[in-house]
PDB file of N, CA and C in Angstrom:
ATOM      1  N   MET A   1       1.046  -1.085   0.164  1.00  0.00           N
ATOM      2  CA  MET A   1      -0.321  -0.323  -0.095  1.00  0.00           C
ATOM      3  C   MET A   1       0.915   1.123  -0.247  1.00  0.00           C
ATOM      4  N   THR A   2      -0.020   1.962  -0.182  1.00  0.00           N
ATOM      5  CA  THR A   2       1.023   3.641  -0.488  1.00  0.00           C
ATOM      6  C   THR A   2       0.817   4.376   0.279  1.00  0.00           C
ATOM      7  N   SER A   3       1.787   5.214   0.320  1.00  0.00           N
ATOM      8  CA  SER A   3       1.531   6.289   1.399  1.00  0.00           C
ATOM      9  C   SER A   3      -0.078   7.404   1.795  1.00  0.00           C
ATOM     10  N   THR A   4      -0.625   7.568  -0.236  1.00  0.00           N
ATOM     11  CA  THR A   4      -1.586   8.085  -1.111  1.00  0.00           C
ATOM     12  C   THR A   4      -2.139   7.147  -0.189  1.00  0.00           C
ATOM     13  N   ASP A   5      -2.133   5.618   0.112  1.00  0.00           N
ATOM     14  CA  ASP A   5      -3.531   4.986   0.275  1.00  0.00           C
ATOM     15  C   ASP A   5      -3.398   4.510   1.283  1.00  0.00           C
ATOM     16  N   ILE A   6      -2.651   4.635   2.353  1.00  0.00           N
ATOM     17  CA  ILE A   6      -2.310   4.653   3.702  1.00  0.00           C
ATOM     18  C   ILE A   6      -3.647   5.886   4.188  1.00  0.00           C
ATOM     19  N   VAL A   7      -3.317   7.156   3.591  1.00  0.00           N
ATOM     20  CA  VAL A   7      -4.227   8.542   4.145  1.00  0.00           C
ATOM     21  C   VAL A   7      -5.442   8.523   3.622  1.00  0.00           C
ATOM     22  N   ALA A   8      -5.268   8.608   2.681  1.00  0.00           N
ATOM     23  CA  ALA A   8      -6.527   8.255   2.011  1.00  0.00           C
ATOM     24  C   ALA A   8      -7.984   7.379   2.610  1.00  0.00           C
ATOM     25  N   ASP A   9      -7.195   5.827   2.585  1.00  0.00           N
ATOM     26  CA  ASP A   9      -8.090   4.887   3.324  1.00  0.00           C
ATOM     27  C   ASP A   9      -8.344   4.954   4.948  1.00  0.00           C
ATOM     28  N   THR A  10      -7.630   5.727   5.568  1.00  0.00           N
ATOM     29  CA  THR A  10      -7.868   6.057   6.933  1.00  0.00           C
ATOM     30  C   THR A  10      -8.589   7.197   6.842  1.00  0.00           C
ATOM     31  N   LEU A  11      -8.026   8.455   6.451  1.00  0.00           N
ATOM     32  CA  LEU A  11      -9.059   9.819   6.850  1.00  0.00           C
ATOM     33  C   LEU A  11      -9.879  10.306   5.203  1.00  0.00           C
ATOM     34  N   GLY A  12     -10.185   9.429   3.962  1.00  0.00           N
ATOM     35  CA  GLY A  12     -10.467   9.874   2.949  1.00  0.00           C
ATOM     36  C   GLY A  12     -10.163  10.964   2.407  1.00  0.00           C
ATOM     37  N   TYR A  13      -9.023  11.225   2.646  1.00  0.00           N
ATOM     38  CA  TYR A  13      -8.379  12.257   1.141  1.00  0.00           C
ATOM     39  C   TYR A  13      -6.521  12.296   1.267  1.00  0.00           C
ATOM     40  N   PRO A  14      -6.177  12.913   0.415  1.00  0.00           N
ATOM     41  CA  PRO A  14      -4.860  12.328   0.251  1.00  0.00           C
ATOM     42  C   PRO A  14      -3.950  13.257   1.210  1.00  0.00           C
ATOM     43  N   SER A  15      -2.530  13.306   1.318  1.00  0.00           N
ATOM     44  CA  SER A  15      -1.510  13.584   2.483  1.00  0.00           C
ATOM     45  C   SER A  15      -1.694  15.111   1.732  1.00  0.00           C
ATOM     46  N   GLY A  16      -1.761  15.385   1.039  1.00  0.00           N
ATOM     47  CA  GLY A  16      -1.500  16.520   0.216  1.00  0.00           C
ATOM     48  C   GLY A  16      -0.067  16.736  -0.688  1.00  0.00           C
ATOM     49  N   ALA A  17      -0.101  18.193  -1.085  1.00  0.00           N
ATOM     50  CA  ALA A  17       1.082  18.090  -2.417  1.00  0.00           C
ATOM     51  C   ALA A  17       2.183  18.498  -1.820  1.00  0.00           C
ATOM     52  N   LEU A  18       2.387  19.258  -1.007  1.00  0.00           N
ATOM     53  CA  LEU A  18       3.718  19.362   0.080  1.00  0.00           C
ATOM     54  C   LEU A  18       4.338  18.557   0.325  1.00  0.00           C
ATOM     55  N   ALA A  19       3.391  17.388   1.437  1.00  0.00           N
ATOM     56  CA  ALA A  19       4.117  16.157   1.834  1.00  0.00           C
ATOM     57  C   ALA A  19       4.864  15.487   0.234  1.00  0.00           C
ATOM     58  N   ALA A  20       3.983  15.573  -0.836  1.00  0.00           N
ATOM     59  CA  ALA A  20       4.472  14.579  -2.256  1.00  0.00           C
ATOM     60  C   ALA A  20       5.343  15.033  -2.839  1.00  0.00           C
ATOM     61  N   THR A  21       5.608  16.723  -2.493  1.00  0.00           N
ATOM     62  CA  THR A  21       6.506  17.390  -3.609  1.00  0.00           C
ATOM     63  C   THR A  21       8.069  16.852  -2.263  1.00  0.00           C
ATOM     64  N   MET A  22       7.864  17.019  -1.013  1.00  0.00           N
ATOM     65  CA  MET A  22       9.055  16.968  -0.134  1.00  0.00           C
ATOM     66  C   MET A  22       9.672  15.644  -0.169  1.00  0.00           C
ATOM     67  N   GLY A  23       8.837  13.897  -0.757  1.00  0.00           N
ATOM     68  CA  GLY A  23       8.836  13.047  -0.727  1.00  0.00           C
ATOM     69  C   GLY A  23       8.484  12.332   0.677  1.00  0.00           C
ATOM     70  N   ILE A  24       7.970  12.530   1.429  1.00  0.00           N
ATOM     71  CA  ILE A  24       7.427  12.122   2.392  1.00  0.00           C
ATOM     72  C   ILE A  24       5.744  10.372   2.053  1.00  0.00           C
ATOM     73  N   THR A  25       6.142   9.585   2.760  1.00  0.00           N
ATOM     74  CA  THR A  25       5.322   8.988   2.845  1.00  0.00           C
ATOM     75  C   THR A  25       5.282   8.010   4.433  1.00  0.00           C
ATOM     76  N   VAL A  26       3.979   8.047   4.426  1.00  0.00           N
ATOM     77  CA  VAL A  26       3.508   7.642   5.832  1.00  0.00           C
ATOM     78  C   VAL A  26       3.170   6.534   5.203  1.00  0.00           C
ATOM     79  N   THR A  27       4.259   5.226   6.368  1.00  0.00           N
ATOM     80  CA  THR A  27       4.408   4.045   6.680  1.00  0.00           C
ATOM     81  C   THR A  27       3.429   2.933   7.662  1.00  0.00           C
ATOM     82  N   GLU A  28       2.333   4.324   8.396  1.00  0.00           N
ATOM     83  CA  GLU A  28       1.851   3.731   9.431  1.00  0.00           C
ATOM     84  C   GLU A  28       0.621   4.817  10.027  1.00  0.00           C
ATOM     85  N   LEU A  29      -0.394   5.104  10.180  1.00  0.00           N
ATOM     86  CA  LEU A  29      -1.148   6.160  10.681  1.00  0.00           C
ATOM     87  C   LEU A  29      -2.438   5.445  10.961  1.00  0.00           C
ATOM     88  N   ARG A  30      -1.916   5.969  12.595  1.00  0.00           N
ATOM     89  CA  ARG A  30      -3.135   5.371  13.682  1.00  0.00           C
ATOM     90  C   ARG A  30      -3.083   6.344  14.820  1.00  0.00           C
ATOM     91  N   ALA A  31      -4.530   6.098  15.538  1.00  0.00           N
ATOM     92  CA  ALA A  31      -4.648   7.270  16.941  1.00  0.00           C
ATOM     93  C   ALA A  31      -3.981   7.227  17.515  1.00  0.00           C
ATOM     94  N   ASP A  32      -3.061   6.348  17.967  1.00  0.00           N
ATOM     95  CA  ASP A  32      -1.955   5.684  18.648  1.00  0.00           C
ATOM     96  C   ASP A  32      -0.075   6.192  18.628  1.00  0.00           C
ATOM     97  N   HIS A  33      -0.357   5.501  16.908  1.00  0.00           N
ATOM     98  CA  HIS A  33       1.289   5.838  16.792  1.00  0.00           C
ATOM     99  C   HIS A  33       1.220   5.807  15.052  1.00  0.00           C
ATOM    100  N   SER A  34       2.072   7.000  14.213  1.00  0.00           N
ATOM    101  CA  SER A  34       2.165   6.966  13.023  1.00  0.00           C
ATOM    102  C   SER A  34       3.310   7.136  12.677  1.00  0.00           C
ATOM    103  N   SER A  35       4.095   6.343  11.496  1.00  0.00           N
ATOM    104  CA  SER A  35       5.467   6.961  10.876  1.00  0.00           C
ATOM    105  C   SER A  35       5.583   7.205   9.829  1.00  0.00           C
ATOM    106  N   ALA A  36       6.829   7.405   9.664  1.00  0.00           N
ATOM    107  CA  ALA A  36       7.018   8.447   7.940  1.00  0.00           C
ATOM    108  C   ALA A  36       8.193   8.116   7.854  1.00  0.00           C
ATOM    109  N   HIS A  37       8.399   8.467   6.761  1.00  0.00           N
ATOM    110  CA  HIS A  37       9.969   8.529   6.388  1.00  0.00           C
ATOM    111  C   HIS A  37       9.933   9.780   5.269  1.00  0.00           C
ATOM    112  N   MET A  38      11.108  10.514   4.512  1.00  0.00           N
ATOM    113  CA  MET A  38      11.336  11.325   3.864  1.00  0.00           C
ATOM    114  C   MET A  38      12.723  11.111   3.521  1.00  0.00           C
ATOM    115  N   ARG A  39      12.274  11.796   1.785  1.00  0.00           N
ATOM    116  CA  ARG A  39      13.557  11.142   1.145  1.00  0.00           C
ATOM    117  C   ARG A  39      15.119  12.700   1.432  1.00  0.00           C
ATOM    118  N   VAL A  40      16.056  11.968   1.506  1.00  0.00           N
ATOM    119  CA  VAL A  40      17.366  13.173   1.001  1.00  0.00           C
ATOM    120  C   VAL A  40      16.987  14.140   0.151  1.00  0.00           C
ATOM    121  N   ALA A  41      16.994  13.339  -0.973  1.00  0.00           N
ATOM    122  CA  ALA A  41      17.947  13.629  -2.566  1.00  0.00           C
ATOM    123  C   ALA A  41      16.841  15.283  -2.298  1.00  0.00           C
ATOM    124  N   GLY A  42      16.655  16.431  -2.593  1.00  0.00           N
ATOM    125  CA  GLY A  42      16.110  17.614  -2.998  1.00  0.00           C
ATOM    126  C   GLY A  42      15.946  18.675  -1.749  1.00  0.00           C
ATOM    127  N   ASN A  43      15.992  17.750  -0.357  1.00  0.00           N
ATOM    128  CA  ASN A  43      15.839  18.326   0.745  1.00  0.00           C
ATOM    129  C   ASN A  43      17.100  18.752   1.447  1.00  0.00           C
ATOM    130  N   THR A  44      18.034  19.504   0.901  1.00  0.00           N
ATOM    131  CA  THR A  44      19.329  18.912   1.764  1.00  0.00           C
ATOM    132  C   THR A  44      19.683  21.061   1.234  1.00  0.00           C
ATOM    133  N   GLN A  45      20.786  21.123   2.275  1.00  0.00           N
ATOM    134  CA  GLN A  45      21.187  22.717   2.799  1.00  0.00           C
ATOM    135  C   GLN A  45      22.290  22.147   1.717  1.00  0.00           C
ATOM    136  N   VAL A  46      23.133  23.417   1.263  1.00  0.00           N
ATOM    137  CA  VAL A  46      24.133  23.622   1.163  1.00  0.00           C
ATOM    138  C   VAL A  46      25.659  22.673   1.058  1.00  0.00           C
ATOM    139  N   THR A  47      25.321  21.698   2.740  1.00  0.00           N
ATOM    140  CA  THR A  47      26.633  20.922   2.897  1.00  0.00           C
ATOM    141  C   THR A  47      25.976  19.599   2.669  1.00  0.00           C
ATOM    142  N   GLY A  48      24.635  19.976   2.210  1.00  0.00           N
ATOM    143  CA  GLY A  48      24.099  18.217   1.601  1.00  0.00           C
ATOM    144  C   GLY A  48      23.478  17.326   3.093  1.00  0.00           C
ATOM    145  N   ARG A  49      23.517  18.163   4.199  1.00  0.00           N
ATOM    146  CA  ARG A  49      22.616  17.733   5.498  1.00  0.00           C
ATOM    147  C   ARG A  49      20.924  17.958   4.704  1.00  0.00           C
ATOM    148  N   VAL A  50      20.294  17.093   5.602  1.00  0.00           N
ATOM    149  CA  VAL A  50      18.973  17.564   5.505  1.00  0.00           C
ATOM    150  C   VAL A  50      18.513  18.875   6.065  1.00  0.00           C
ATOM    151  N   HIS A  51      18.200  19.717   5.505  1.00  0.00           N
ATOM    152  CA  HIS A  51      17.901  21.000   5.715  1.00  0.00           C
ATOM    153  C   HIS A  51      16.782  20.400   6.439  1.00  0.00           C
ATOM    154  N   GLY A  52      17.110  21.909   8.035  1.00  0.00           N
ATOM    155  CA  GLY A  52      16.024  21.918   9.568  1.00  0.00           C
ATOM    156  C   GLY A  52      14.322  22.074   8.421  1.00  0.00           C
ATOM    157  N   GLY A  53      14.341  22.906   8.024  1.00  0.00           N
ATOM    158  CA  GLY A  53      12.945  23.599   7.306  1.00  0.00           C
ATOM    159  C   GLY A  53      11.975  21.452   6.894  1.00  0.00           C
ATOM    160  N   ALA A  54      13.234  21.050   6.202  1.00  0.00           N
ATOM    161  CA  ALA A  54      12.437  19.607   5.488  1.00  0.00           C
ATOM    162  C   ALA A  54      12.144  19.115   6.620  1.00  0.00           C
ATOM    163  N   TYR A  55      12.664  19.030   7.898  1.00  0.00           N
ATOM    164  CA  TYR A  55      12.283  17.758   9.271  1.00  0.00           C
ATOM    165  C   TYR A  55      10.598  18.732   9.880  1.00  0.00           C
ATOM    166  N   ALA A  56      10.692  20.022   9.830  1.00  0.00           N
ATOM    167  CA  ALA A  56       9.627  21.174  10.461  1.00  0.00           C
ATOM    168  C   ALA A  56       8.278  20.127   9.106  1.00  0.00           C
ATOM    169  N   VAL A  57       8.412  20.545   8.236  1.00  0.00           N
ATOM    170  CA  VAL A  57       7.774  19.720   7.349  1.00  0.00           C
ATOM    171  C   VAL A  57       7.261  18.586   7.500  1.00  0.00           C
ATOM    172  N   LEU A  58       8.336  17.404   7.862  1.00  0.00           N
ATOM    173  CA  LEU A  58       8.321  15.859   8.171  1.00  0.00           C
ATOM    174  C   LEU A  58       7.077  15.958   9.352  1.00  0.00           C
ATOM    175  N   ALA A  59       7.295  16.546  10.319  1.00  0.00           N
ATOM    176  CA  ALA A  59       6.977  16.311  11.555  1.00  0.00           C
ATOM    177  C   ALA A  59       5.211  16.837  11.348  1.00  0.00           C
ATOM    178  N   GLU A  60       5.420  18.300  11.209  1.00  0.00           N
ATOM    179  CA  GLU A  60       4.423  19.005  11.173  1.00  0.00           C
ATOM    180  C   GLU A  60       3.004  18.132  10.040  1.00  0.00           C
ATOM    181  N   THR A  61       3.266  17.378   8.974  1.00  0.00           N
ATOM    182  CA  THR A  61       2.761  16.523   8.706  1.00  0.00           C
ATOM    183  C   THR A  61       2.233  15.306   9.225  1.00  0.00           C
ATOM    184  N   LEU A  62       3.022  14.733   9.758  1.00  0.00           N
ATOM    185  CA  LEU A  62       2.993  13.240  10.486  1.00  0.00           C
ATOM    186  C   LEU A  62       1.696  13.829  11.289  1.00  0.00           C
ATOM    187  N   ALA A  63       2.157  15.123  12.293  1.00  0.00           N
ATOM    188  CA  ALA A  63       1.183  15.242  13.389  1.00  0.00           C
ATOM    189  C   ALA A  63       0.086  15.691  13.038  1.00  0.00           C
ATOM    190  N   SER A  64      -0.118  16.554  11.705  1.00  0.00           N
ATOM    191  CA  SER A  64      -1.371  16.739  11.369  1.00  0.00           C
ATOM    192  C   SER A  64      -2.436  16.067  10.944  1.00  0.00           C
ATOM    193  N   LEU A  65      -1.563  15.059  10.414  1.00  0.00           N
ATOM    194  CA  LEU A  65      -2.772  13.458   9.632  1.00  0.00           C
ATOM    195  C   LEU A  65      -3.224  13.248  10.919  1.00  0.00           C
ATOM    196  N   SER A  66      -1.717  13.039  11.895  1.00  0.00           N
ATOM    197  CA  SER A  66      -2.234  11.742  12.898  1.00  0.00           C
ATOM    198  C   SER A  66      -3.512  12.700  14.278  1.00  0.00           C
ATOM    199  N   ALA A  67      -2.955  13.818  14.101  1.00  0.00           N
ATOM    200  CA  ALA A  67      -4.425  14.576  14.842  1.00  0.00           C
ATOM    201  C   ALA A  67      -5.754  14.145  14.533  1.00  0.00           C
ATOM    202  N   ASN A  68      -5.367  14.075  12.908  1.00  0.00           N
ATOM    203  CA  ASN A  68      -7.067  14.285  11.983  1.00  0.00           C
ATOM    204  C   ASN A  68      -7.669  12.481  12.340  1.00  0.00           C
ATOM    205  N   VAL A  69      -6.616  11.787  12.367  1.00  0.00           N
ATOM    206  CA  VAL A  69      -7.198  10.406  13.074  1.00  0.00           C
ATOM    207  C   VAL A  69      -7.655  10.442  14.395  1.00  0.00           C
ATOM    208  N   HIS A  70      -6.661  10.514  15.429  1.00  0.00           N
ATOM    209  CA  HIS A  70      -7.184  11.259  16.978  1.00  0.00           C
ATOM    210  C   HIS A  70      -8.434  11.427  16.663  1.00  0.00           C
ATOM    211  N   ALA A  71      -8.809  12.626  16.569  1.00  0.00           N
ATOM    212  CA  ALA A  71     -10.249  13.416  16.679  1.00  0.00           C
ATOM    213  C   ALA A  71     -11.022  12.503  15.625  1.00  0.00           C
ATOM    214  N   GLY A  72     -11.018  11.702  15.192  1.00  0.00           N
ATOM    215  CA  GLY A  72     -11.655  10.747  15.122  1.00  0.00           C
ATOM    216  C   GLY A  72     -13.216  10.872  13.423  1.00  0.00           C
ATOM    217  N   GLU A  73     -14.137  10.143  12.695  1.00  0.00           N
ATOM    218  CA  GLU A  73     -14.238  10.880  11.572  1.00  0.00           C
ATOM    219  C   GLU A  73     -15.666  11.583  12.037  1.00  0.00           C
ATOM    220  N   GLY A  74     -15.709  12.652  11.204  1.00  0.00           N
ATOM    221  CA  GLY A  74     -17.090  13.717  11.431  1.00  0.00           C
ATOM    222  C   GLY A  74     -16.548  15.179  12.142  1.00  0.00           C
ATOM    223  N   ARG A  75     -15.026  14.875  12.691  1.00  0.00           N
ATOM    224  CA  ARG A  75     -14.936  16.117  13.764  1.00  0.00           C
ATOM    225  C   ARG A  75     -14.160  17.017  13.356  1.00  0.00           C
ATOM    226  N   VAL A  76     -13.495  16.650  11.551  1.00  0.00           N
ATOM    227  CA  VAL A  76     -12.603  17.041  11.418  1.00  0.00           C
ATOM    228  C   VAL A  76     -13.113  18.131  10.289  1.00  0.00           C
ATOM    229  N   GLU A  77     -13.321  19.398  10.234  1.00  0.00           N
ATOM    230  CA  GLU A  77     -13.866  20.035   8.989  1.00  0.00           C
ATOM    231  C   GLU A  77     -12.875  20.255   7.671  1.00  0.00           C
ATOM    232  N   ARG A  78     -13.320  19.499   6.456  1.00  0.00           N
ATOM    233  CA  ARG A  78     -12.016  20.078   5.073  1.00  0.00           C
ATOM    234  C   ARG A  78     -12.844  21.628   4.496  1.00  0.00           C
ATOM    235  N   GLN A  79     -11.335  22.009   3.994  1.00  0.00           N
ATOM    236  CA  GLN A  79     -12.226  23.243   3.742  1.00  0.00           C
ATOM    237  C   GLN A  79     -11.356  23.435   2.186  1.00  0.00           C
ATOM    238  N   ALA A  80     -12.149  24.196   1.528  1.00  0.00           N
ATOM    239  CA  ALA A  80     -11.713  24.026  -0.048  1.00  0.00           C
ATOM    240  C   ALA A  80     -11.004  25.026  -0.025  1.00  0.00           C
ATOM    241  N   TYR A  81     -10.132  25.277  -0.823  1.00  0.00           N
ATOM    242  CA  TYR A  81      -8.792  26.101  -1.214  1.00  0.00           C
ATOM    243  C   TYR A  81      -8.686  26.249  -2.819  1.00  0.00           C
ATOM    244  N   ALA A  82      -8.436  27.735  -3.142  1.00  0.00           N
ATOM    245  CA  ALA A  82      -8.743  27.501  -4.253  1.00  0.00           C
ATOM    246  C   ALA A  82      -7.548  27.049  -4.822  1.00  0.00           C
ATOM    247  N   ARG A  83      -7.648  27.155  -6.210  1.00  0.00           N
ATOM    248  CA  ARG A  83      -6.125  26.854  -7.235  1.00  0.00           C
ATOM    249  C   ARG A  83      -5.595  27.908  -7.198  1.00  0.00           C
ATOM    250  N   LEU A  84      -4.151  27.983  -7.303  1.00  0.00           N
ATOM    251  CA  LEU A  84      -3.031  28.842  -8.035  1.00  0.00           C
ATOM    252  C   LEU A  84      -2.739  28.912  -8.948  1.00  0.00           C
ATOM    253  N   ASP A  85      -3.633  27.654 -10.058  1.00  0.00           N
ATOM    254  CA  ASP A  85      -2.361  27.472 -11.301  1.00  0.00           C
ATOM    255  C   ASP A  85      -3.167  28.528 -12.677  1.00  0.00           C
TER     256      ASP A  85
END
């Protein structure tokens, strides 16, 4: 099962464009435990180390998805956003 499948199957919507751009793959998504990994390529500083902002995106993405699972069905309102293209 892919990351998108895990998130879509659990929450009913995909994890989002930023997670896809950063290469974040959700491997487990439950109310009591969630895990994910992120590719290094494309997310590095000039020194070759993973950029701190990339870690922040990984943490926030997984925390938000996990919070939605913990809240339970019908307790999180999805908002529509205008497309910018």
